[in-house]
Structures are given as C-alpha cells and as structure tokens.
Amino acid sequence: MAYFSKIYETDLPHRAKTVYMYLKDRSDKKGQCYPAINTIAKELHLSRRTVERAIQDLLAAGVLKKEQRWRENGGKSSLLYTITDSS
C-alpha cells in the first residue's frame, strides 16, 4: 500500500490516519466520496466525535477538503470529502 506512505510519515494522530485511509479507500478517481459520519464511525468502530476530530485534523493538515452538498429542494445532503494530496 505505497499510496499511504505520505500519510504514515505525518505527525497526525492515529484517528486521522485511520479516517484518511477509510476515505481514500472509498474515494473515486477524483479523490471524492461522501460517506456519512455515522457510517464512518460504525465501520471503523469509532465514536462519532472521534471521527469528527479526525476530519478536523485532516482539514487542518490540508490533505482533505469538505463541502456541503445540497438537494434540489434546497435541503442539505451529505458532505463531499475530497482527498487533496497526491499520496
């Protein structure tokens, strides 16, 4: 899994590395995916709050972007996560 080598070398907490790998694994060719925080937490056996902290860590490190998505009727949809580094 050489594509995780850059994230292994960072000083990010293990929670952030775990969530990064989850998002990277589920992302498309553009590095984008949109799983719910509860889904990430359930599948990784982490608390919702731990996943939220991990996402904040990744945003602060500049390796992840998040964007609110909207439904046609104007209601909120899931968040779009984009991996922004090349690892």
Protein backbone atom coordinates (compact mmCIF):
# COMPACT_ATOMS: atom_id res chain seq x y z
CA MET A 1 0.00 0.00 0.00
CA ALA A 2 2.53 2.54 -1.14
CA TYR A 3 -0.21 5.13 -1.70
CA PHE A 4 -0.45 5.57 2.09
CA SER A 5 3.28 6.20 2.58
CA LYS A 6 2.92 10.01 2.83
CA ILE A 7 0.18 9.82 5.46
CA TYR A 8 2.28 7.37 7.51
CA GLU A 9 5.07 9.94 7.66
CA THR A 10 2.88 12.73 9.06
CA ASP A 11 2.51 13.68 12.71
CA LEU A 12 -1.25 13.25 12.51
CA PRO A 13 -2.93 11.27 15.31
CA HIS A 14 -3.81 7.67 14.55
CA ARG A 15 -7.53 8.53 14.42
CA ALA A 16 -6.86 10.89 11.50
CA LYS A 17 -4.72 8.36 9.66
CA THR A 18 -7.43 5.73 10.08
CA VAL A 19 -10.18 8.01 8.76
CA TYR A 20 -7.91 9.19 5.93
CA MET A 21 -7.34 5.59 4.82
CA TYR A 22 -11.08 4.90 5.02
CA LEU A 23 -11.89 7.93 2.85
CA LYS A 24 -9.06 7.18 0.43
CA ASP A 25 -10.29 3.60 0.05
CA ARG A 26 -13.82 4.75 -0.75
CA SER A 27 -12.94 7.67 -2.99
CA ASP A 28 -13.32 7.76 -6.75
CA LYS A 29 -10.65 8.68 -9.31
CA LYS A 30 -11.08 12.35 -8.40
CA GLY A 31 -10.42 11.57 -4.73
CA GLN A 32 -14.03 12.24 -3.79
CA CYS A 33 -16.52 10.36 -1.62
CA TYR A 34 -19.47 11.22 0.60
CA PRO A 35 -19.99 8.77 3.46
CA ALA A 36 -21.96 9.91 6.50
CA ILE A 37 -20.01 10.47 9.71
CA ASN A 38 -22.16 7.84 11.43
CA THR A 39 -21.28 5.35 8.68
CA ILE A 40 -17.56 6.03 9.06
CA ALA A 41 -17.84 5.70 12.84
CA LYS A 42 -19.78 2.44 12.64
CA GLU A 43 -17.49 0.82 10.09
CA LEU A 44 -14.30 1.87 11.91
CA HIS A 45 -15.70 1.13 15.38
CA LEU A 46 -15.00 4.71 16.49
CA SER A 47 -17.25 7.24 18.17
CA ARG A 48 -18.91 9.90 16.07
CA ARG A 49 -16.93 12.55 17.96
CA THR A 50 -13.62 10.79 17.26
CA VAL A 51 -14.44 10.78 13.53
CA GLU A 52 -15.32 14.49 13.69
CA ARG A 53 -11.99 15.25 15.38
CA ALA A 54 -10.13 13.16 12.80
CA ILE A 55 -11.78 15.05 9.96
CA GLN A 56 -10.80 18.35 11.60
CA ASP A 57 -7.21 17.08 11.89
CA LEU A 58 -7.19 16.20 8.18
CA LEU A 59 -8.69 19.55 7.17
CA ALA A 60 -6.09 21.41 9.26
CA ALA A 61 -3.29 19.35 7.69
CA GLY A 62 -4.53 20.29 4.23
CA VAL A 63 -4.99 16.72 2.99
CA LEU A 64 -8.79 16.86 2.93
CA LYS A 65 -11.49 19.29 1.81
CA LYS A 66 -15.15 19.05 2.77
CA GLU A 67 -18.06 20.65 1.02
CA GLN A 68 -21.76 20.69 1.88
CA ARG A 69 -23.91 19.16 -0.83
CA TRP A 70 -27.49 20.30 -1.44
CA ARG A 71 -30.64 18.60 -2.68
CA GLU A 72 -32.72 20.05 -5.50
CA ASN A 73 -35.34 21.22 -2.98
CA GLY A 74 -32.70 23.25 -1.12
CA GLY A 75 -32.24 20.83 1.77
CA LYS A 76 -28.87 19.64 2.97
CA SER A 77 -27.43 16.42 1.60
CA SER A 78 -24.29 14.57 2.63
CA LEU A 79 -20.86 16.18 2.84
CA LEU A 80 -18.50 15.71 -0.07
CA TYR A 81 -14.95 14.82 1.01
CA THR A 82 -12.07 15.34 -1.40
CA ILE A 83 -8.57 13.99 -0.78
CA THR A 84 -6.33 16.93 -1.73
CA ASP A 85 -2.86 15.44 -1.55
CA SER A 86 -1.21 13.12 -4.02
CA SER A 87 -0.36 10.28 -1.63
